[in-house]
Amino acid sequence: MEVLNGTKTAGLANRARDLFQSYDFEVMAPNNADNDQYINTVVLDRKGNLDNARKVADIMRCTRIYSKPDPQLDQAVDVTVILGKDFDGR
């Protein structure tokens, strides 16, 4: 999975990566989202398997889950998390 920081809060994606790794998820190096103005965290299914996205969302108590398969994305990415201002690091 990949974790993207969609806020101005430095280190937020690193905290999320640590959280997911504690649940034995394989997480790519955190990165920044396309902008830093995300209000709400979103979980994107990248492979057409919403069950994987729901598992990730459940850990974060995120209700915004979307299926957005992307064949151009790295094959290792099943789920993308874009952190919004509503994510408190837990």
PDB file of N, CA and C in Angstrom:
ATOM      1  N   MET A   1       0.835  -1.176   0.000  1.00  0.00           N
ATOM      2  CA  MET A   1       0.000   0.000   0.000  1.00  0.00           C
ATOM      3  C   MET A   1       0.876   1.234   0.000  1.00  0.00           C
ATOM      4  N   GLU A   2       0.275   2.354  -0.342  1.00  0.00           N
ATOM      5  CA  GLU A   2       0.993   3.617  -0.261  1.00  0.00           C
ATOM      6  C   GLU A   2       0.209   4.575   0.623  1.00  0.00           C
ATOM      7  N   VAL A   3       0.949   5.431   1.318  1.00  0.00           N
ATOM      8  CA  VAL A   3       0.352   6.428   2.196  1.00  0.00           C
ATOM      9  C   VAL A   3       0.840   7.793   1.739  1.00  0.00           C
ATOM     10  N   LEU A   4      -0.111   8.684   1.457  1.00  0.00           N
ATOM     11  CA  LEU A   4       0.208  10.029   0.982  1.00  0.00           C
ATOM     12  C   LEU A   4      -0.312  11.060   1.970  1.00  0.00           C
ATOM     13  N   ASN A   5       0.500  12.049   2.262  1.00  0.00           N
ATOM     14  CA  ASN A   5       0.105  13.120   3.163  1.00  0.00           C
ATOM     15  C   ASN A   5      -0.599  14.215   2.364  1.00  0.00           C
ATOM     16  N   GLY A   6      -1.871  14.421   2.651  1.00  0.00           N
ATOM     17  CA  GLY A   6      -2.652  15.452   1.980  1.00  0.00           C
ATOM     18  C   GLY A   6      -2.858  16.676   2.859  1.00  0.00           C
ATOM     19  N   THR A   7      -1.935  16.877   3.821  1.00  0.00           N
ATOM     20  CA  THR A   7      -2.038  18.009   4.747  1.00  0.00           C
ATOM     21  C   THR A   7      -0.690  18.726   4.827  1.00  0.00           C
ATOM     22  N   LYS A   8      -0.671  19.797   5.605  1.00  0.00           N
ATOM     23  CA  LYS A   8       0.574  20.532   5.857  1.00  0.00           C
ATOM     24  C   LYS A   8       1.305  20.003   7.088  1.00  0.00           C
ATOM     25  N   THR A   9       0.747  18.989   7.757  1.00  0.00           N
ATOM     26  CA  THR A   9       1.340  18.440   8.973  1.00  0.00           C
ATOM     27  C   THR A   9       2.526  17.541   8.623  1.00  0.00           C
ATOM     28  N   ALA A  10       3.709  17.991   8.971  1.00  0.00           N
ATOM     29  CA  ALA A  10       4.915  17.230   8.668  1.00  0.00           C
ATOM     30  C   ALA A  10       4.931  15.919   9.451  1.00  0.00           C
ATOM     31  N   GLY A  11       5.328  14.841   8.797  1.00  0.00           N
ATOM     32  CA  GLY A  11       5.480  13.551   9.450  1.00  0.00           C
ATOM     33  C   GLY A  11       4.212  12.738   9.594  1.00  0.00           C
ATOM     34  N   LEU A  12       3.100  13.248   9.111  1.00  0.00           N
ATOM     35  CA  LEU A  12       1.831  12.538   9.274  1.00  0.00           C
ATOM     36  C   LEU A  12       1.834  11.195   8.540  1.00  0.00           C
ATOM     37  N   ALA A  13       2.365  11.169   7.332  1.00  0.00           N
ATOM     38  CA  ALA A  13       2.403   9.925   6.565  1.00  0.00           C
ATOM     39  C   ALA A  13       3.341   8.903   7.228  1.00  0.00           C
ATOM     40  N   ASN A  14       4.401   9.369   7.857  1.00  0.00           N
ATOM     41  CA  ASN A  14       5.295   8.449   8.577  1.00  0.00           C
ATOM     42  C   ASN A  14       4.569   7.793   9.746  1.00  0.00           C
ATOM     43  N   ARG A  15       3.776   8.560  10.475  1.00  0.00           N
ATOM     44  CA  ARG A  15       3.012   8.002  11.588  1.00  0.00           C
ATOM     45  C   ARG A  15       2.001   6.977  11.094  1.00  0.00           C
ATOM     46  N   ALA A  16       1.354   7.286   9.975  1.00  0.00           N
ATOM     47  CA  ALA A  16       0.383   6.347   9.405  1.00  0.00           C
ATOM     48  C   ALA A  16       1.086   5.079   8.930  1.00  0.00           C
ATOM     49  N   ARG A  17       2.247   5.227   8.311  1.00  0.00           N
ATOM     50  CA  ARG A  17       3.009   4.053   7.874  1.00  0.00           C
ATOM     51  C   ARG A  17       3.335   3.160   9.068  1.00  0.00           C
ATOM     52  N   ASP A  18       3.778   3.764  10.168  1.00  0.00           N
ATOM     53  CA  ASP A  18       4.090   2.988  11.369  1.00  0.00           C
ATOM     54  C   ASP A  18       2.856   2.249  11.875  1.00  0.00           C
ATOM     55  N   LEU A  19       1.716   2.916  11.840  1.00  0.00           N
ATOM     56  CA  LEU A  19       0.457   2.293  12.264  1.00  0.00           C
ATOM     57  C   LEU A  19       0.163   1.061  11.417  1.00  0.00           C
ATOM     58  N   PHE A  20       0.223   1.206  10.114  1.00  0.00           N
ATOM     59  CA  PHE A  20      -0.097   0.085   9.223  1.00  0.00           C
ATOM     60  C   PHE A  20       0.936  -1.034   9.318  1.00  0.00           C
ATOM     61  N   GLN A  21       2.181  -0.690   9.497  1.00  0.00           N
ATOM     62  CA  GLN A  21       3.201  -1.721   9.647  1.00  0.00           C
ATOM     63  C   GLN A  21       2.984  -2.515  10.936  1.00  0.00           C
ATOM     64  N   SER A  22       2.434  -1.884  11.953  1.00  0.00           N
ATOM     65  CA  SER A  22       2.149  -2.612  13.197  1.00  0.00           C
ATOM     66  C   SER A  22       1.049  -3.659  12.984  1.00  0.00           C
ATOM     67  N   TYR A  23       0.279  -3.521  11.909  1.00  0.00           N
ATOM     68  CA  TYR A  23      -0.738  -4.503  11.525  1.00  0.00           C
ATOM     69  C   TYR A  23      -0.224  -5.427  10.419  1.00  0.00           C
ATOM     70  N   ASP A  24       1.073  -5.409  10.185  1.00  0.00           N
ATOM     71  CA  ASP A  24       1.739  -6.264   9.198  1.00  0.00           C
ATOM     72  C   ASP A  24       1.404  -5.940   7.750  1.00  0.00           C
ATOM     73  N   PHE A  25       1.029  -4.697   7.466  1.00  0.00           N
ATOM     74  CA  PHE A  25       0.855  -4.269   6.079  1.00  0.00           C
ATOM     75  C   PHE A  25       2.216  -3.908   5.508  1.00  0.00           C
ATOM     76  N   GLU A  26       2.398  -4.208   4.236  1.00  0.00           N
ATOM     77  CA  GLU A  26       3.598  -3.770   3.530  1.00  0.00           C
ATOM     78  C   GLU A  26       3.317  -2.374   2.982  1.00  0.00           C
ATOM     79  N   VAL A  27       4.102  -1.407   3.442  1.00  0.00           N
ATOM     80  CA  VAL A  27       3.845  -0.006   3.090  1.00  0.00           C
ATOM     81  C   VAL A  27       5.058   0.568   2.372  1.00  0.00           C
ATOM     82  N   MET A  28       4.808   1.183   1.229  1.00  0.00           N
ATOM     83  CA  MET A  28       5.871   1.857   0.481  1.00  0.00           C
ATOM     84  C   MET A  28       6.302   3.102   1.256  1.00  0.00           C
ATOM     85  N   ALA A  29       7.413   3.690   0.859  1.00  0.00           N
ATOM     86  CA  ALA A  29       7.874   4.924   1.495  1.00  0.00           C
ATOM     87  C   ALA A  29       6.783   5.985   1.387  1.00  0.00           C
ATOM     88  N   PRO A  30       6.470   6.647   2.492  1.00  0.00           N
ATOM     89  CA  PRO A  30       5.421   7.673   2.463  1.00  0.00           C
ATOM     90  C   PRO A  30       5.817   8.824   1.545  1.00  0.00           C
ATOM     91  N   ASN A  31       4.798   9.491   1.053  1.00  0.00           N
ATOM     92  CA  ASN A  31       5.018  10.594   0.128  1.00  0.00           C
ATOM     93  C   ASN A  31       3.935  11.638   0.343  1.00  0.00           C
ATOM     94  N   ASN A  32       4.020  12.727  -0.395  1.00  0.00           N
ATOM     95  CA  ASN A  32       2.990  13.763  -0.340  1.00  0.00           C
ATOM     96  C   ASN A  32       1.948  13.528  -1.426  1.00  0.00           C
ATOM     97  N   ALA A  33       0.723  13.914  -1.125  1.00  0.00           N
ATOM     98  CA  ALA A  33      -0.369  13.841  -2.102  1.00  0.00           C
ATOM     99  C   ALA A  33      -0.207  14.961  -3.127  1.00  0.00           C
ATOM    100  N   ASP A  34      -1.131  15.023  -4.062  1.00  0.00           N
ATOM    101  CA  ASP A  34      -1.082  16.040  -5.113  1.00  0.00           C
ATOM    102  C   ASP A  34      -1.266  17.454  -4.570  1.00  0.00           C
ATOM    103  N   ASN A  35      -1.830  17.580  -3.348  1.00  0.00           N
ATOM    104  CA  ASN A  35      -1.932  18.875  -2.691  1.00  0.00           C
ATOM    105  C   ASN A  35      -2.029  18.656  -1.184  1.00  0.00           C
ATOM    106  N   ASP A  36      -1.952  19.736  -0.432  1.00  0.00           N
ATOM    107  CA  ASP A  36      -1.972  19.628   1.032  1.00  0.00           C
ATOM    108  C   ASP A  36      -3.252  20.203   1.636  1.00  0.00           C
ATOM    109  N   GLN A  37      -4.329  20.134   0.884  1.00  0.00           N
ATOM    110  CA  GLN A  37      -5.594  20.717   1.321  1.00  0.00           C
ATOM    111  C   GLN A  37      -6.700  19.691   1.550  1.00  0.00           C
ATOM    112  N   TYR A  38      -6.354  18.429   1.725  1.00  0.00           N
ATOM    113  CA  TYR A  38      -7.378  17.414   1.956  1.00  0.00           C
ATOM    114  C   TYR A  38      -7.981  17.602   3.343  1.00  0.00           C
ATOM    115  N   ILE A  39      -9.268  17.751   3.393  1.00  0.00           N
ATOM    116  CA  ILE A  39      -9.986  17.883   4.666  1.00  0.00           C
ATOM    117  C   ILE A  39     -10.198  16.492   5.263  1.00  0.00           C
ATOM    118  N   ASN A  40     -10.623  15.552   4.425  1.00  0.00           N
ATOM    119  CA  ASN A  40     -10.959  14.204   4.867  1.00  0.00           C
ATOM    120  C   ASN A  40      -9.999  13.172   4.292  1.00  0.00           C
ATOM    121  N   THR A  41      -9.703  12.191   5.102  1.00  0.00           N
ATOM    122  CA  THR A  41      -8.884  11.063   4.674  1.00  0.00           C
ATOM    123  C   THR A  41      -9.712  10.172   3.752  1.00  0.00           C
ATOM    124  N   VAL A  42      -9.075   9.676   2.702  1.00  0.00           N
ATOM    125  CA  VAL A  42      -9.745   8.757   1.781  1.00  0.00           C
ATOM    126  C   VAL A  42      -8.873   7.518   1.577  1.00  0.00           C
ATOM    127  N   VAL A  43      -9.536   6.403   1.356  1.00  0.00           N
ATOM    128  CA  VAL A  43      -8.868   5.137   1.054  1.00  0.00           C
ATOM    129  C   VAL A  43      -9.307   4.725  -0.344  1.00  0.00           C
ATOM    130  N   LEU A  44      -8.327   4.485  -1.205  1.00  0.00           N
ATOM    131  CA  LEU A  44      -8.607   4.145  -2.595  1.00  0.00           C
ATOM    132  C   LEU A  44      -8.175   2.712  -2.891  1.00  0.00           C
ATOM    133  N   ASP A  45      -9.115   1.925  -3.377  1.00  0.00           N
ATOM    134  CA  ASP A  45      -8.822   0.579  -3.867  1.00  0.00           C
ATOM    135  C   ASP A  45      -8.209   0.729  -5.249  1.00  0.00           C
ATOM    136  N   ARG A  46      -7.020   0.189  -5.462  1.00  0.00           N
ATOM    137  CA  ARG A  46      -6.321   0.332  -6.747  1.00  0.00           C
ATOM    138  C   ARG A  46      -6.353  -0.908  -7.613  1.00  0.00           C
ATOM    139  N   LYS A  47      -6.882  -2.024  -7.085  1.00  0.00           N
ATOM    140  CA  LYS A  47      -6.864  -3.285  -7.839  1.00  0.00           C
ATOM    141  C   LYS A  47      -8.248  -3.879  -8.076  1.00  0.00           C
ATOM    142  N   GLY A  48      -9.298  -3.177  -7.696  1.00  0.00           N
ATOM    143  CA  GLY A  48     -10.628  -3.738  -7.869  1.00  0.00           C
ATOM    144  C   GLY A  48     -11.004  -4.711  -6.765  1.00  0.00           C
ATOM    145  N   ASN A  49     -10.391  -4.567  -5.590  1.00  0.00           N
ATOM    146  CA  ASN A  49     -10.686  -5.437  -4.450  1.00  0.00           C
ATOM    147  C   ASN A  49     -11.010  -4.551  -3.245  1.00  0.00           C
ATOM    148  N   LEU A  50     -12.281  -4.204  -3.125  1.00  0.00           N
ATOM    149  CA  LEU A  50     -12.685  -3.294  -2.050  1.00  0.00           C
ATOM    150  C   LEU A  50     -12.470  -3.869  -0.658  1.00  0.00           C
ATOM    151  N   ASP A  51     -12.413  -5.195  -0.529  1.00  0.00           N
ATOM    152  CA  ASP A  51     -12.183  -5.793   0.787  1.00  0.00           C
ATOM    153  C   ASP A  51     -10.852  -5.340   1.386  1.00  0.00           C
ATOM    154  N   ASN A  52      -9.807  -5.281   0.569  1.00  0.00           N
ATOM    155  CA  ASN A  52      -8.516  -4.797   1.055  1.00  0.00           C
ATOM    156  C   ASN A  52      -8.616  -3.353   1.517  1.00  0.00           C
ATOM    157  N   ALA A  53      -9.287  -2.533   0.742  1.00  0.00           N
ATOM    158  CA  ALA A  53      -9.444  -1.122   1.105  1.00  0.00           C
ATOM    159  C   ALA A  53     -10.253  -0.979   2.388  1.00  0.00           C
ATOM    160  N   ARG A  54     -11.270  -1.801   2.550  1.00  0.00           N
ATOM    161  CA  ARG A  54     -12.085  -1.740   3.773  1.00  0.00           C
ATOM    162  C   ARG A  54     -11.278  -2.116   5.008  1.00  0.00           C
ATOM    163  N   LYS A  55     -10.390  -3.102   4.892  1.00  0.00           N
ATOM    164  CA  LYS A  55      -9.543  -3.491   6.022  1.00  0.00           C
ATOM    165  C   LYS A  55      -8.670  -2.318   6.470  1.00  0.00           C
ATOM    166  N   VAL A  56      -8.098  -1.633   5.498  1.00  0.00           N
ATOM    167  CA  VAL A  56      -7.266  -0.464   5.799  1.00  0.00           C
ATOM    168  C   VAL A  56      -8.115   0.635   6.431  1.00  0.00           C
ATOM    169  N   ALA A  57      -9.262   0.898   5.843  1.00  0.00           N
ATOM    170  CA  ALA A  57     -10.145   1.955   6.346  1.00  0.00           C
ATOM    171  C   ALA A  57     -10.632   1.657   7.758  1.00  0.00           C
ATOM    172  N   ASP A  58     -10.903   0.398   8.050  1.00  0.00           N
ATOM    173  CA  ASP A  58     -11.366   0.022   9.392  1.00  0.00           C
ATOM    174  C   ASP A  58     -10.331   0.368  10.460  1.00  0.00           C
ATOM    175  N   ILE A  59      -9.076   0.152  10.163  1.00  0.00           N
ATOM    176  CA  ILE A  59      -8.017   0.470  11.123  1.00  0.00           C
ATOM    177  C   ILE A  59      -8.024   1.958  11.459  1.00  0.00           C
ATOM    178  N   MET A  60      -8.280   2.775  10.459  1.00  0.00           N
ATOM    179  CA  MET A  60      -8.254   4.226  10.640  1.00  0.00           C
ATOM    180  C   MET A  60      -9.616   4.810  11.001  1.00  0.00           C
ATOM    181  N   ARG A  61     -10.627   3.957  11.004  1.00  0.00           N
ATOM    182  CA  ARG A  61     -12.010   4.412  11.189  1.00  0.00           C
ATOM    183  C   ARG A  61     -12.397   5.437  10.109  1.00  0.00           C
ATOM    184  N   CYS A  62     -11.964   5.142   8.895  1.00  0.00           N
ATOM    185  CA  CYS A  62     -12.244   6.001   7.745  1.00  0.00           C
ATOM    186  C   CYS A  62     -13.480   5.471   7.021  1.00  0.00           C
ATOM    187  N   THR A  63     -14.390   6.363   6.670  1.00  0.00           N
ATOM    188  CA  THR A  63     -15.620   5.957   5.987  1.00  0.00           C
ATOM    189  C   THR A  63     -15.615   6.299   4.494  1.00  0.00           C
ATOM    190  N   ARG A  64     -14.592   6.982   4.048  1.00  0.00           N
ATOM    191  CA  ARG A  64     -14.520   7.372   2.640  1.00  0.00           C
ATOM    192  C   ARG A  64     -13.634   6.380   1.891  1.00  0.00           C
ATOM    193  N   ILE A  65     -14.287   5.383   1.295  1.00  0.00           N
ATOM    194  CA  ILE A  65     -13.594   4.312   0.580  1.00  0.00           C
ATOM    195  C   ILE A  65     -14.096   4.318  -0.861  1.00  0.00           C
ATOM    196  N   TYR A  66     -13.169   4.371  -1.797  1.00  0.00           N
ATOM    197  CA  TYR A  66     -13.540   4.430  -3.201  1.00  0.00           C
ATOM    198  C   TYR A  66     -12.741   3.409  -3.997  1.00  0.00           C
ATOM    199  N   SER A  67     -13.373   2.853  -5.011  1.00  0.00           N
ATOM    200  CA  SER A  67     -12.669   1.962  -5.928  1.00  0.00           C
ATOM    201  C   SER A  67     -12.184   2.812  -7.095  1.00  0.00           C
ATOM    202  N   LYS A  68     -10.880   2.865  -7.252  1.00  0.00           N
ATOM    203  CA  LYS A  68     -10.285   3.676  -8.307  1.00  0.00           C
ATOM    204  C   LYS A  68      -9.083   2.923  -8.884  1.00  0.00           C
ATOM    205  N   PRO A  69      -9.358   1.794  -9.581  1.00  0.00           N
ATOM    206  CA  PRO A  69      -8.254   1.026 -10.162  1.00  0.00           C
ATOM    207  C   PRO A  69      -7.403   1.888 -11.093  1.00  0.00           C
ATOM    208  N   ASP A  70      -6.101   1.684 -11.023  1.00  0.00           N
ATOM    209  CA  ASP A  70      -5.167   2.466 -11.823  1.00  0.00           C
ATOM    210  C   ASP A  70      -4.079   1.543 -12.365  1.00  0.00           C
ATOM    211  N   PRO A  71      -4.213   1.084 -13.617  1.00  0.00           N
ATOM    212  CA  PRO A  71      -3.229   0.165 -14.190  1.00  0.00           C
ATOM    213  C   PRO A  71      -1.845   0.807 -14.365  1.00  0.00           C
ATOM    214  N   GLN A  72      -1.760   2.133 -14.329  1.00  0.00           N
ATOM    215  CA  GLN A  72      -0.482   2.828 -14.473  1.00  0.00           C
ATOM    216  C   GLN A  72       0.313   2.871 -13.170  1.00  0.00           C
ATOM    217  N   LEU A  73      -0.365   2.598 -12.057  1.00  0.00           N
ATOM    218  CA  LEU A  73       0.267   2.660 -10.747  1.00  0.00           C
ATOM    219  C   LEU A  73       1.152   1.447 -10.522  1.00  0.00           C
ATOM    220  N   ASP A  74       2.161   1.612  -9.710  1.00  0.00           N
ATOM    221  CA  ASP A  74       3.064   0.516  -9.333  1.00  0.00           C
ATOM    222  C   ASP A  74       2.246  -0.722  -8.983  1.00  0.00           C
ATOM    223  N   GLN A  75       2.639  -1.864  -9.513  1.00  0.00           N
ATOM    224  CA  GLN A  75       1.904  -3.108  -9.297  1.00  0.00           C
ATOM    225  C   GLN A  75       1.852  -3.526  -7.832  1.00  0.00           C
ATOM    226  N   ALA A  76       2.749  -3.005  -7.006  1.00  0.00           N
ATOM    227  CA  ALA A  76       2.775  -3.364  -5.588  1.00  0.00           C
ATOM    228  C   ALA A  76       1.688  -2.641  -4.794  1.00  0.00           C
ATOM    229  N   VAL A  77       1.038  -1.666  -5.401  1.00  0.00           N
ATOM    230  CA  VAL A  77       0.065  -0.854  -4.677  1.00  0.00           C
ATOM    231  C   VAL A  77      -1.348  -1.406  -4.863  1.00  0.00           C
ATOM    232  N   ASP A  78      -1.884  -1.971  -3.788  1.00  0.00           N
ATOM    233  CA  ASP A  78      -3.272  -2.437  -3.790  1.00  0.00           C
ATOM    234  C   ASP A  78      -4.204  -1.350  -3.287  1.00  0.00           C
ATOM    235  N   VAL A  79      -3.687  -0.554  -2.329  1.00  0.00           N
ATOM    236  CA  VAL A  79      -4.499   0.465  -1.664  1.00  0.00           C
ATOM    237  C   VAL A  79      -3.667   1.734  -1.518  1.00  0.00           C
ATOM    238  N   THR A  80      -4.308   2.875  -1.781  1.00  0.00           N
ATOM    239  CA  THR A  80      -3.701   4.177  -1.532  1.00  0.00           C
ATOM    240  C   THR A  80      -4.503   4.872  -0.447  1.00  0.00           C
ATOM    241  N   VAL A  81      -3.795   5.408   0.544  1.00  0.00           N
ATOM    242  CA  VAL A  81      -4.427   6.208   1.596  1.00  0.00           C
ATOM    243  C   VAL A  81      -3.948   7.633   1.413  1.00  0.00           C
ATOM    244  N   ILE A  82      -4.900   8.561   1.298  1.00  0.00           N
ATOM    245  CA  ILE A  82      -4.558   9.983   1.270  1.00  0.00           C
ATOM    246  C   ILE A  82      -5.050  10.571   2.588  1.00  0.00           C
ATOM    247  N   LEU A  83      -4.103  10.998   3.396  1.00  0.00           N
ATOM    248  CA  LEU A  83      -4.435  11.513   4.722  1.00  0.00           C
ATOM    249  C   LEU A  83      -4.945  12.931   4.648  1.00  0.00           C
ATOM    250  N   GLY A  84      -6.056  13.161   5.325  1.00  0.00           N
ATOM    251  CA  GLY A  84      -6.629  14.495   5.404  1.00  0.00           C
ATOM    252  C   GLY A  84      -6.460  15.073   6.789  1.00  0.00           C
ATOM    253  N   LYS A  85      -6.957  16.286   6.967  1.00  0.00           N
ATOM    254  CA  LYS A  85      -6.830  16.982   8.254  1.00  0.00           C
ATOM    255  C   LYS A  85      -7.566  16.254   9.384  1.00  0.00           C
ATOM    256  N   ASP A  86      -8.482  15.362   9.033  1.00  0.00           N
ATOM    257  CA  ASP A  86      -9.224  14.625  10.061  1.00  0.00           C
ATOM    258  C   ASP A  86      -8.427  13.467  10.657  1.00  0.00           C
ATOM    259  N   PHE A  87      -7.267  13.139  10.082  1.00  0.00           N
ATOM    260  CA  PHE A  87      -6.461  12.032  10.592  1.00  0.00           C
ATOM    261  C   PHE A  87      -5.558  12.534  11.706  1.00  0.00           C
ATOM    262  N   ASP A  88      -5.639  11.891  12.863  1.00  0.00           N
ATOM    263  CA  ASP A  88      -4.863  12.351  14.023  1.00  0.00           C
ATOM    264  C   ASP A  88      -3.645  11.488  14.312  1.00  0.00           C
ATOM    265  N   GLY A  89      -3.290  10.606  13.390  1.00  0.00           N
ATOM    266  CA  GLY A  89      -2.096   9.785  13.581  1.00  0.00           C
ATOM    267  C   GLY A  89      -2.373   8.442  14.198  1.00  0.00           C
ATOM    268  N   ARG A  90      -3.640   8.142  14.504  1.00  0.00           N
ATOM    269  CA  ARG A  90      -3.997   6.861  15.099  1.00  0.00           C
ATOM    270  C   ARG A  90      -4.997   6.144  14.235  1.00  0.00           C
TER     271      ARG A  90
END
